[in-house]
Amino acid sequence: MSAELFVGKQVRLAPMDLEADAKLMAGWGRNSEYSRLLDSDPATLWNPKQIEEWFSKGEEEMAHFMIHTLMEDRTIGMIGLDGFNWVAGHCWVGIGLGEPEFWGKGYGSDAMNVILRYAFRALNLNRVNLTVFEYNPRAIRSYEKVGFKLEGRERKWMAREGKRWDMVFMGILRREWEALQPPGEQE
């Protein structure tokens, strides 16, 4: 597998170094806005050892990477695939940008495009699914930018900030993603 597979326009994906990256992730988890956007569970402060144990436990069923900027080689987030159904040819994707100064600047969209390239070209999957909270329109726009389509929602799925919010389901098919690739990069 070529290293270029994991390089986008602004970011590159790298394998996790659990010991070092768990410390970063523990720090990101102390940002309440990051936690609010990443998870529906009540905010929980995990220490690096707990994070290492969680990732180690499911290592064989997941393909998780750290997101590094190309310019500074700074680690700014994580992205991963899991919930693989190899017979049906699909999986789930999750992303978290832990460094707020990189939010809304295209880094997440670029990382998502890179992981989709991996899912469709290297793993030969047919579709990738995700969920996102209704109160995160920036993420929804980012996912739509790389080709995800709204597929449904669970209405009033969660309570947060004294209000009920929907869980939004989105998906992308391999042929939809390929149609969005520049000429010469299509398979």
N, C-alpha and C. Protein backbone atom coordinates (compact mmCIF):
# COMPACT_ATOMS: atom_id res chain seq x y z
N MET A 1 0.84 -1.17 0.00
CA MET A 1 0.00 0.00 0.00
C MET A 1 0.89 1.24 0.00
N SER A 2 0.62 2.15 -0.88
CA SER A 2 1.42 3.35 -1.06
C SER A 2 1.14 4.37 0.05
N ALA A 3 2.17 5.06 0.50
CA ALA A 3 2.02 6.09 1.53
C ALA A 3 1.16 7.25 1.03
N GLU A 4 1.15 7.48 -0.29
CA GLU A 4 0.34 8.57 -0.84
C GLU A 4 -1.15 8.35 -0.59
N LEU A 5 -1.53 7.11 -0.38
CA LEU A 5 -2.91 6.78 -0.08
C LEU A 5 -3.39 7.53 1.15
N PHE A 6 -2.49 7.82 2.07
CA PHE A 6 -2.84 8.43 3.35
C PHE A 6 -2.52 9.92 3.42
N VAL A 7 -2.26 10.55 2.28
CA VAL A 7 -1.92 11.97 2.24
C VAL A 7 -2.98 12.73 1.46
N GLY A 8 -3.46 13.82 2.06
CA GLY A 8 -4.43 14.68 1.40
C GLY A 8 -3.79 16.00 1.01
N LYS A 9 -4.60 17.03 0.89
CA LYS A 9 -4.10 18.36 0.52
C LYS A 9 -3.57 19.12 1.73
N GLN A 10 -4.15 18.86 2.92
CA GLN A 10 -3.75 19.57 4.13
C GLN A 10 -3.26 18.64 5.24
N VAL A 11 -3.61 17.36 5.14
CA VAL A 11 -3.30 16.44 6.23
C VAL A 11 -2.75 15.12 5.70
N ARG A 12 -2.17 14.39 6.64
CA ARG A 12 -1.81 13.00 6.38
C ARG A 12 -2.29 12.19 7.57
N LEU A 13 -2.64 10.95 7.31
CA LEU A 13 -3.06 10.04 8.37
C LEU A 13 -1.88 9.16 8.73
N ALA A 14 -1.70 8.95 10.02
CA ALA A 14 -0.58 8.13 10.50
C ALA A 14 -1.11 7.13 11.52
N PRO A 15 -0.45 5.98 11.62
CA PRO A 15 -0.87 5.01 12.64
C PRO A 15 -0.76 5.63 14.02
N MET A 16 -1.57 5.13 14.93
CA MET A 16 -1.52 5.62 16.30
C MET A 16 -0.25 5.13 16.99
N ASP A 17 0.32 6.01 17.79
CA ASP A 17 1.34 5.66 18.76
C ASP A 17 0.60 5.78 20.09
N LEU A 18 0.03 4.67 20.54
CA LEU A 18 -0.93 4.72 21.65
C LEU A 18 -0.41 5.46 22.87
N GLU A 19 0.83 5.26 23.23
CA GLU A 19 1.34 5.91 24.43
C GLU A 19 1.35 7.44 24.28
N ALA A 20 1.91 7.92 23.19
CA ALA A 20 1.99 9.37 22.97
C ALA A 20 0.63 9.96 22.63
N ASP A 21 -0.11 9.30 21.77
CA ASP A 21 -1.39 9.85 21.32
C ASP A 21 -2.46 9.83 22.41
N ALA A 22 -2.39 8.87 23.32
CA ALA A 22 -3.36 8.83 24.42
C ALA A 22 -3.23 10.07 25.29
N LYS A 23 -2.03 10.57 25.45
CA LYS A 23 -1.83 11.81 26.22
C LYS A 23 -2.50 12.99 25.53
N LEU A 24 -2.34 13.06 24.21
CA LEU A 24 -3.00 14.12 23.45
C LEU A 24 -4.52 14.02 23.58
N MET A 25 -5.04 12.81 23.38
CA MET A 25 -6.50 12.60 23.44
C MET A 25 -7.05 12.93 24.82
N ALA A 26 -6.32 12.60 25.86
CA ALA A 26 -6.77 12.94 27.22
C ALA A 26 -6.86 14.45 27.37
N GLY A 27 -5.91 15.17 26.82
CA GLY A 27 -5.94 16.63 26.85
C GLY A 27 -7.12 17.19 26.07
N TRP A 28 -7.36 16.65 24.89
CA TRP A 28 -8.49 17.12 24.09
C TRP A 28 -9.81 16.91 24.82
N GLY A 29 -9.91 15.81 25.57
CA GLY A 29 -11.13 15.49 26.29
C GLY A 29 -11.47 16.49 27.39
N ARG A 30 -10.53 17.34 27.76
CA ARG A 30 -10.78 18.35 28.77
C ARG A 30 -11.45 19.60 28.18
N ASN A 31 -11.56 19.65 26.87
CA ASN A 31 -12.26 20.74 26.19
C ASN A 31 -13.73 20.35 26.09
N SER A 32 -14.59 21.05 26.80
CA SER A 32 -16.01 20.67 26.85
C SER A 32 -16.68 20.75 25.48
N GLU A 33 -16.29 21.68 24.63
CA GLU A 33 -16.89 21.79 23.30
C GLU A 33 -16.50 20.58 22.44
N TYR A 34 -15.26 20.17 22.50
CA TYR A 34 -14.81 18.98 21.78
C TYR A 34 -15.60 17.76 22.26
N SER A 35 -15.71 17.58 23.55
CA SER A 35 -16.45 16.44 24.10
C SER A 35 -17.91 16.46 23.68
N ARG A 36 -18.51 17.63 23.67
CA ARG A 36 -19.91 17.81 23.28
C ARG A 36 -20.14 17.40 21.82
N LEU A 37 -19.18 17.68 20.97
CA LEU A 37 -19.31 17.36 19.54
C LEU A 37 -18.95 15.91 19.23
N LEU A 38 -18.11 15.31 20.06
CA LEU A 38 -17.59 13.98 19.78
C LEU A 38 -18.50 12.85 20.26
N ASP A 39 -19.15 13.04 21.39
CA ASP A 39 -19.80 11.91 22.05
C ASP A 39 -21.12 12.33 22.67
N SER A 40 -22.08 11.42 22.68
CA SER A 40 -23.38 11.70 23.30
C SER A 40 -23.39 11.36 24.79
N ASP A 41 -22.39 10.62 25.24
CA ASP A 41 -22.32 10.27 26.66
C ASP A 41 -22.00 11.52 27.49
N PRO A 42 -22.35 11.48 28.76
CA PRO A 42 -21.93 12.60 29.64
C PRO A 42 -20.41 12.73 29.59
N ALA A 43 -19.93 13.95 29.69
CA ALA A 43 -18.50 14.20 29.65
C ALA A 43 -17.79 13.39 30.73
N THR A 44 -16.76 12.68 30.33
CA THR A 44 -15.96 11.88 31.25
C THR A 44 -14.49 12.18 30.98
N LEU A 45 -13.76 12.45 32.03
CA LEU A 45 -12.33 12.71 31.87
C LEU A 45 -11.60 11.37 31.94
N TRP A 46 -11.04 10.96 30.81
CA TRP A 46 -10.27 9.72 30.74
C TRP A 46 -8.80 10.09 30.87
N ASN A 47 -8.07 9.26 31.60
CA ASN A 47 -6.64 9.49 31.65
C ASN A 47 -5.99 8.71 30.49
N PRO A 48 -4.72 9.01 30.20
CA PRO A 48 -4.07 8.34 29.06
C PRO A 48 -4.09 6.81 29.14
N LYS A 49 -3.93 6.25 30.33
CA LYS A 49 -3.93 4.79 30.46
C LYS A 49 -5.30 4.20 30.09
N GLN A 50 -6.38 4.84 30.51
CA GLN A 50 -7.73 4.37 30.14
C GLN A 50 -7.93 4.43 28.63
N ILE A 51 -7.44 5.48 28.01
CA ILE A 51 -7.57 5.63 26.55
C ILE A 51 -6.77 4.52 25.85
N GLU A 52 -5.55 4.28 26.31
CA GLU A 52 -4.74 3.21 25.73
C GLU A 52 -5.46 1.87 25.83
N GLU A 53 -6.02 1.58 26.99
CA GLU A 53 -6.73 0.31 27.20
C GLU A 53 -7.93 0.20 26.27
N TRP A 54 -8.69 1.28 26.12
CA TRP A 54 -9.88 1.25 25.26
C TRP A 54 -9.50 0.96 23.81
N PHE A 55 -8.49 1.65 23.31
CA PHE A 55 -8.08 1.43 21.92
C PHE A 55 -7.45 0.05 21.74
N SER A 56 -6.68 -0.41 22.71
CA SER A 56 -6.04 -1.73 22.61
C SER A 56 -7.08 -2.84 22.58
N LYS A 57 -8.14 -2.66 23.32
CA LYS A 57 -9.19 -3.67 23.43
C LYS A 57 -9.85 -3.97 22.09
N GLY A 58 -10.08 -2.96 21.26
CA GLY A 58 -10.77 -3.17 20.00
C GLY A 58 -9.89 -3.07 18.78
N GLU A 59 -8.58 -3.14 18.99
CA GLU A 59 -7.60 -2.91 17.93
C GLU A 59 -7.84 -3.73 16.67
N GLU A 60 -8.25 -4.98 16.81
CA GLU A 60 -8.40 -5.85 15.64
C GLU A 60 -9.63 -5.51 14.80
N GLU A 61 -10.61 -4.85 15.40
CA GLU A 61 -11.84 -4.54 14.67
C GLU A 61 -11.88 -3.10 14.18
N MET A 62 -10.82 -2.34 14.41
CA MET A 62 -10.81 -0.92 14.07
C MET A 62 -9.61 -0.59 13.20
N ALA A 63 -9.74 0.46 12.43
CA ALA A 63 -8.62 1.03 11.68
C ALA A 63 -8.58 2.51 12.04
N HIS A 64 -7.84 2.84 13.10
CA HIS A 64 -7.78 4.21 13.60
C HIS A 64 -6.45 4.85 13.27
N PHE A 65 -6.51 6.14 12.97
CA PHE A 65 -5.34 6.91 12.58
C PHE A 65 -5.34 8.25 13.29
N MET A 66 -4.19 8.84 13.39
CA MET A 66 -4.07 10.20 13.88
C MET A 66 -3.97 11.12 12.66
N ILE A 67 -4.52 12.32 12.81
CA ILE A 67 -4.52 13.31 11.73
C ILE A 67 -3.38 14.30 12.01
N HIS A 68 -2.47 14.41 11.05
CA HIS A 68 -1.33 15.33 11.16
C HIS A 68 -1.43 16.38 10.06
N THR A 69 -1.10 17.62 10.39
CA THR A 69 -1.06 18.65 9.34
C THR A 69 0.17 18.40 8.47
N LEU A 70 0.06 18.75 7.21
CA LEU A 70 1.21 18.60 6.31
C LEU A 70 2.26 19.68 6.58
N MET A 71 1.80 20.90 6.84
CA MET A 71 2.74 22.03 7.01
C MET A 71 3.63 21.89 8.23
N GLU A 72 3.02 21.66 9.40
CA GLU A 72 3.81 21.63 10.64
C GLU A 72 4.01 20.22 11.18
N ASP A 73 3.38 19.23 10.56
CA ASP A 73 3.37 17.86 11.06
C ASP A 73 2.86 17.85 12.51
N ARG A 74 1.83 18.62 12.75
CA ARG A 74 1.21 18.70 14.08
C ARG A 74 0.04 17.73 14.13
N THR A 75 -0.07 16.98 15.22
CA THR A 75 -1.19 16.07 15.41
C THR A 75 -2.39 16.87 15.89
N ILE A 76 -3.48 16.85 15.10
CA ILE A 76 -4.62 17.70 15.42
C ILE A 76 -5.91 16.92 15.67
N GLY A 77 -5.90 15.61 15.45
CA GLY A 77 -7.12 14.86 15.67
C GLY A 77 -6.94 13.39 15.37
N MET A 78 -8.08 12.72 15.35
CA MET A 78 -8.09 11.28 15.08
C MET A 78 -9.25 10.97 14.15
N ILE A 79 -9.12 9.86 13.42
CA ILE A 79 -10.17 9.41 12.52
C ILE A 79 -10.07 7.90 12.43
N GLY A 80 -11.19 7.24 12.27
CA GLY A 80 -11.11 5.80 12.20
C GLY A 80 -12.33 5.14 11.60
N LEU A 81 -12.11 3.92 11.18
CA LEU A 81 -13.17 3.06 10.64
C LEU A 81 -13.38 1.92 11.61
N ASP A 82 -14.64 1.53 11.80
CA ASP A 82 -14.93 0.34 12.60
C ASP A 82 -16.32 -0.17 12.23
N GLY A 83 -16.77 -1.20 12.93
CA GLY A 83 -18.07 -1.79 12.61
C GLY A 83 -18.09 -2.40 11.22
N PHE A 84 -16.99 -3.00 10.82
CA PHE A 84 -16.89 -3.56 9.47
C PHE A 84 -17.87 -4.70 9.26
N ASN A 85 -18.54 -4.67 8.12
CA ASN A 85 -19.32 -5.80 7.64
C ASN A 85 -18.72 -6.15 6.29
N TRP A 86 -17.81 -7.12 6.29
CA TRP A 86 -17.06 -7.45 5.08
C TRP A 86 -17.95 -8.11 4.03
N VAL A 87 -18.97 -8.82 4.43
CA VAL A 87 -19.87 -9.47 3.47
C VAL A 87 -20.67 -8.41 2.71
N ALA A 88 -21.23 -7.46 3.45
CA ALA A 88 -22.03 -6.40 2.81
C ALA A 88 -21.15 -5.29 2.25
N GLY A 89 -19.93 -5.18 2.72
CA GLY A 89 -19.00 -4.17 2.18
C GLY A 89 -19.21 -2.78 2.74
N HIS A 90 -19.42 -2.68 4.06
CA HIS A 90 -19.56 -1.34 4.63
C HIS A 90 -18.98 -1.27 6.03
N CYS A 91 -18.83 -0.02 6.51
CA CYS A 91 -18.31 0.23 7.85
C CYS A 91 -18.80 1.60 8.31
N TRP A 92 -18.39 1.96 9.51
CA TRP A 92 -18.70 3.27 10.10
C TRP A 92 -17.41 4.07 10.21
N VAL A 93 -17.54 5.39 10.13
CA VAL A 93 -16.39 6.28 10.29
C VAL A 93 -16.68 7.25 11.43
N GLY A 94 -15.63 7.61 12.14
CA GLY A 94 -15.71 8.62 13.18
C GLY A 94 -14.49 9.51 13.11
N ILE A 95 -14.68 10.78 13.46
CA ILE A 95 -13.59 11.75 13.40
C ILE A 95 -13.72 12.71 14.57
N GLY A 96 -12.59 13.16 15.05
CA GLY A 96 -12.55 14.20 16.07
C GLY A 96 -11.32 15.06 15.86
N LEU A 97 -11.53 16.36 15.70
CA LEU A 97 -10.41 17.29 15.63
C LEU A 97 -10.26 17.90 17.02
N GLY A 98 -9.18 17.58 17.69
CA GLY A 98 -8.99 18.01 19.06
C GLY A 98 -8.41 19.39 19.23
N GLU A 99 -7.88 19.96 18.17
CA GLU A 99 -7.27 21.29 18.24
C GLU A 99 -8.21 22.32 17.63
N PRO A 100 -8.91 23.11 18.46
CA PRO A 100 -9.94 24.02 17.98
C PRO A 100 -9.49 25.02 16.92
N GLU A 101 -8.21 25.42 16.94
CA GLU A 101 -7.78 26.40 15.94
C GLU A 101 -7.80 25.85 14.52
N PHE A 102 -8.00 24.53 14.38
CA PHE A 102 -8.07 23.91 13.06
C PHE A 102 -9.51 23.62 12.64
N TRP A 103 -10.47 23.97 13.46
CA TRP A 103 -11.89 23.75 13.14
C TRP A 103 -12.33 24.73 12.06
N GLY A 104 -13.16 24.27 11.16
CA GLY A 104 -13.75 25.14 10.14
C GLY A 104 -12.78 25.60 9.06
N LYS A 105 -11.64 24.93 8.91
CA LYS A 105 -10.64 25.34 7.93
C LYS A 105 -10.34 24.28 6.89
N GLY A 106 -11.18 23.25 6.81
CA GLY A 106 -11.03 22.22 5.78
C GLY A 106 -10.19 21.02 6.17
N TYR A 107 -9.59 21.02 7.35
CA TYR A 107 -8.76 19.89 7.77
C TYR A 107 -9.59 18.62 7.97
N GLY A 108 -10.76 18.77 8.58
CA GLY A 108 -11.63 17.61 8.79
C GLY A 108 -12.13 17.03 7.48
N SER A 109 -12.53 17.89 6.56
CA SER A 109 -13.01 17.42 5.24
C SER A 109 -11.89 16.70 4.51
N ASP A 110 -10.69 17.24 4.58
CA ASP A 110 -9.56 16.61 3.91
C ASP A 110 -9.26 15.24 4.53
N ALA A 111 -9.26 15.17 5.86
CA ALA A 111 -9.02 13.89 6.54
C ALA A 111 -10.10 12.88 6.17
N MET A 112 -11.35 13.32 6.10
CA MET A 112 -12.45 12.42 5.74
C MET A 112 -12.26 11.91 4.32
N ASN A 113 -11.85 12.77 3.42
CA ASN A 113 -11.62 12.35 2.04
C ASN A 113 -10.50 11.31 1.97
N VAL A 114 -9.46 11.49 2.76
CA VAL A 114 -8.35 10.53 2.78
C VAL A 114 -8.81 9.18 3.31
N ILE A 115 -9.59 9.18 4.39
CA ILE A 115 -10.04 7.89 4.96
C ILE A 115 -11.01 7.20 4.01
N LEU A 116 -11.80 7.99 3.26
CA LEU A 116 -12.70 7.38 2.27
C LEU A 116 -11.89 6.75 1.14
N ARG A 117 -10.81 7.40 0.74
CA ARG A 117 -9.93 6.81 -0.29
C ARG A 117 -9.43 5.45 0.20
N TYR A 118 -9.02 5.39 1.45
CA TYR A 118 -8.55 4.13 2.04
C TYR A 118 -9.68 3.10 2.07
N ALA A 119 -10.85 3.50 2.52
CA ALA A 119 -11.99 2.57 2.62
C ALA A 119 -12.39 2.01 1.27
N PHE A 120 -12.45 2.87 0.26
CA PHE A 120 -12.95 2.43 -1.04
C PHE A 120 -11.87 1.80 -1.92
N ARG A 121 -10.68 2.33 -1.89
CA ARG A 121 -9.65 1.81 -2.79
C ARG A 121 -8.83 0.68 -2.18
N ALA A 122 -8.45 0.81 -0.93
CA ALA A 122 -7.60 -0.22 -0.32
C ALA A 122 -8.43 -1.35 0.29
N LEU A 123 -9.54 -1.00 0.94
CA LEU A 123 -10.35 -2.02 1.59
C LEU A 123 -11.49 -2.53 0.71
N ASN A 124 -11.69 -1.87 -0.43
CA ASN A 124 -12.70 -2.28 -1.41
C ASN A 124 -14.12 -2.33 -0.82
N LEU A 125 -14.44 -1.37 0.05
CA LEU A 125 -15.79 -1.29 0.61
C LEU A 125 -16.71 -0.60 -0.37
N ASN A 126 -18.00 -0.78 -0.18
CA ASN A 126 -18.99 -0.17 -1.06
C ASN A 126 -19.65 1.06 -0.43
N ARG A 127 -19.69 1.12 0.89
CA ARG A 127 -20.31 2.28 1.53
C ARG A 127 -19.67 2.54 2.88
N VAL A 128 -19.76 3.80 3.31
CA VAL A 128 -19.29 4.21 4.64
C VAL A 128 -20.42 5.02 5.27
N ASN A 129 -20.69 4.72 6.54
CA ASN A 129 -21.78 5.35 7.29
C ASN A 129 -21.22 6.21 8.42
N LEU A 130 -22.02 7.18 8.86
CA LEU A 130 -21.67 7.94 10.05
C LEU A 130 -22.92 8.49 10.71
N THR A 131 -22.76 8.89 11.96
CA THR A 131 -23.81 9.62 12.66
C THR A 131 -23.23 10.94 13.12
N VAL A 132 -24.11 11.94 13.23
CA VAL A 132 -23.69 13.27 13.67
C VAL A 132 -24.86 13.89 14.41
N PHE A 133 -24.57 14.73 15.38
CA PHE A 133 -25.63 15.38 16.14
C PHE A 133 -26.19 16.57 15.37
N GLU A 134 -27.48 16.74 15.44
CA GLU A 134 -28.16 17.84 14.76
C GLU A 134 -27.55 19.19 15.10
N TYR A 135 -27.06 19.37 16.31
CA TYR A 135 -26.52 20.66 16.73
C TYR A 135 -25.09 20.91 16.23
N ASN A 136 -24.61 20.08 15.32
CA ASN A 136 -23.27 20.26 14.77
C ASN A 136 -23.34 20.52 13.26
N PRO A 137 -23.90 21.67 12.86
CA PRO A 137 -24.04 21.95 11.42
C PRO A 137 -22.71 22.07 10.69
N ARG A 138 -21.65 22.48 11.39
CA ARG A 138 -20.34 22.58 10.74
C ARG A 138 -19.89 21.19 10.27
N ALA A 139 -20.07 20.17 11.11
CA ALA A 139 -19.69 18.81 10.72
C ALA A 139 -20.58 18.32 9.57
N ILE A 140 -21.87 18.59 9.65
CA ILE A 140 -22.78 18.15 8.58
C ILE A 140 -22.34 18.74 7.25
N ARG A 141 -22.02 20.04 7.23
CA ARG A 141 -21.54 20.67 5.99
C ARG A 141 -20.25 20.02 5.50
N SER A 142 -19.35 19.71 6.43
CA SER A 142 -18.08 19.08 6.07
C SER A 142 -18.33 17.71 5.42
N TYR A 143 -19.23 16.93 6.01
CA TYR A 143 -19.53 15.60 5.46
C TYR A 143 -20.19 15.72 4.09
N GLU A 144 -21.09 16.67 3.94
CA GLU A 144 -21.73 16.87 2.63
C GLU A 144 -20.70 17.29 1.58
N LYS A 145 -19.72 18.08 1.99
CA LYS A 145 -18.67 18.55 1.09
C LYS A 145 -17.90 17.39 0.46
N VAL A 146 -17.70 16.30 1.20
CA VAL A 146 -16.97 15.15 0.64
C VAL A 146 -17.91 14.12 0.02
N GLY A 147 -19.22 14.38 0.06
CA GLY A 147 -20.16 13.53 -0.67
C GLY A 147 -21.17 12.74 0.15
N PHE A 148 -21.12 12.84 1.49
CA PHE A 148 -22.10 12.12 2.29
C PHE A 148 -23.50 12.68 2.04
N LYS A 149 -24.48 11.78 2.09
CA LYS A 149 -25.89 12.15 1.89
C LYS A 149 -26.65 11.88 3.18
N LEU A 150 -27.62 12.73 3.45
CA LEU A 150 -28.52 12.52 4.57
C LEU A 150 -29.36 11.28 4.28
N GLU A 151 -29.39 10.34 5.22
CA GLU A 151 -30.15 9.11 5.01
C GLU A 151 -31.27 8.93 6.02
N GLY A 152 -31.26 9.72 7.06
CA GLY A 152 -32.33 9.61 8.04
C GLY A 152 -31.94 10.24 9.35
N ARG A 153 -32.85 10.16 10.30
CA ARG A 153 -32.58 10.72 11.62
C ARG A 153 -33.43 10.05 12.66
N GLU A 154 -32.90 9.96 13.85
CA GLU A 154 -33.68 9.55 14.99
C GLU A 154 -34.07 10.84 15.69
N ARG A 155 -35.37 11.11 15.65
CA ARG A 155 -35.87 12.39 16.16
C ARG A 155 -35.79 12.47 17.68
N LYS A 156 -35.35 13.64 18.13
CA LYS A 156 -35.26 13.97 19.56
C LYS A 156 -34.53 12.86 20.32
N TRP A 157 -33.44 12.41 19.77
CA TRP A 157 -32.67 11.27 20.26
C TRP A 157 -31.95 11.54 21.57
N MET A 158 -31.50 12.77 21.77
CA MET A 158 -30.71 13.06 22.97
C MET A 158 -31.10 14.40 23.58
N ALA A 159 -30.88 14.48 24.88
CA ALA A 159 -31.11 15.74 25.60
C ALA A 159 -29.76 16.38 25.89
N ARG A 160 -29.66 17.64 25.54
CA ARG A 160 -28.44 18.38 25.84
C ARG A 160 -28.80 19.85 25.92
N GLU A 161 -28.29 20.51 26.93
CA GLU A 161 -28.51 21.94 27.10
C GLU A 161 -29.99 22.29 27.22
N GLY A 162 -30.76 21.42 27.87
CA GLY A 162 -32.17 21.68 28.09
C GLY A 162 -33.06 21.55 26.86
N LYS A 163 -32.55 20.88 25.83
CA LYS A 163 -33.29 20.74 24.57
C LYS A 163 -33.10 19.32 24.04
N ARG A 164 -34.04 18.84 23.22
CA ARG A 164 -33.91 17.53 22.57
C ARG A 164 -33.34 17.74 21.17
N TRP A 165 -32.43 16.84 20.76
CA TRP A 165 -31.75 16.95 19.47
C TRP A 165 -31.86 15.63 18.71
N ASP A 166 -31.85 15.72 17.38
CA ASP A 166 -31.88 14.54 16.52
C ASP A 166 -30.48 13.97 16.33
N MET A 167 -30.43 12.65 16.12
CA MET A 167 -29.22 11.98 15.66
C MET A 167 -29.38 11.84 14.16
N VAL A 168 -28.45 12.36 13.40
CA VAL A 168 -28.52 12.38 11.95
C VAL A 168 -27.65 11.25 11.39
N PHE A 169 -28.22 10.48 10.47
CA PHE A 169 -27.51 9.39 9.81
C PHE A 169 -27.14 9.83 8.39
N MET A 170 -25.87 9.60 8.03
CA MET A 170 -25.40 9.96 6.69
C MET A 170 -24.61 8.78 6.14
N GLY A 171 -24.53 8.70 4.82
CA GLY A 171 -23.77 7.64 4.18
C GLY A 171 -23.25 8.08 2.83
N ILE A 172 -22.25 7.38 2.36
CA ILE A 172 -21.70 7.64 1.03
C ILE A 172 -21.37 6.30 0.39
N LEU A 173 -21.70 6.19 -0.89
CA LEU A 173 -21.37 5.00 -1.67
C LEU A 173 -20.06 5.24 -2.41
N ARG A 174 -19.38 4.16 -2.70
CA ARG A 174 -18.11 4.25 -3.42
C ARG A 174 -18.28 5.03 -4.73
N ARG A 175 -19.30 4.70 -5.52
CA ARG A 175 -19.48 5.37 -6.82
C ARG A 175 -19.75 6.87 -6.65
N GLU A 176 -20.42 7.26 -5.56
CA GLU A 176 -20.67 8.69 -5.30
C GLU A 176 -19.36 9.41 -4.99
N TRP A 177 -18.53 8.77 -4.16
CA TRP A 177 -17.24 9.38 -3.81
C TRP A 177 -16.35 9.48 -5.05
N GLU A 178 -16.30 8.40 -5.84
CA GLU A 178 -15.45 8.40 -7.03
C GLU A 178 -15.87 9.48 -8.03
N ALA A 179 -17.17 9.73 -8.15
CA ALA A 179 -17.66 10.75 -9.08
C ALA A 179 -17.19 12.15 -8.69
N LEU A 180 -16.84 12.36 -7.43
CA LEU A 180 -16.39 13.67 -6.95
C LEU A 180 -14.88 13.86 -7.06
N GLN A 181 -14.15 12.81 -7.43
CA GLN A 181 -12.69 12.91 -7.49
C GLN A 181 -12.26 13.62 -8.79
N PRO A 182 -11.20 14.41 -8.70
CA PRO A 182 -10.71 15.13 -9.90
C PRO A 182 -10.31 14.14 -10.99
N PRO A 183 -10.40 14.56 -12.25
CA PRO A 183 -9.96 13.70 -13.36
C PRO A 183 -8.51 13.25 -13.11
N GLY A 184 -8.22 12.04 -13.45
CA GLY A 184 -6.89 11.48 -13.22
C GLY A 184 -6.76 10.79 -11.88
N GLU A 185 -7.66 11.11 -10.94
CA GLU A 185 -7.63 10.44 -9.63
C GLU A 185 -8.77 9.45 -9.51
N GLN A 186 -9.61 9.39 -10.54
CA GLN A 186 -10.71 8.42 -10.51
C GLN A 186 -10.17 7.06 -10.89
N GLU A 187 -10.72 6.04 -10.26
CA GLU A 187 -10.26 4.69 -10.55
C GLU A 187 -10.85 4.15 -11.82
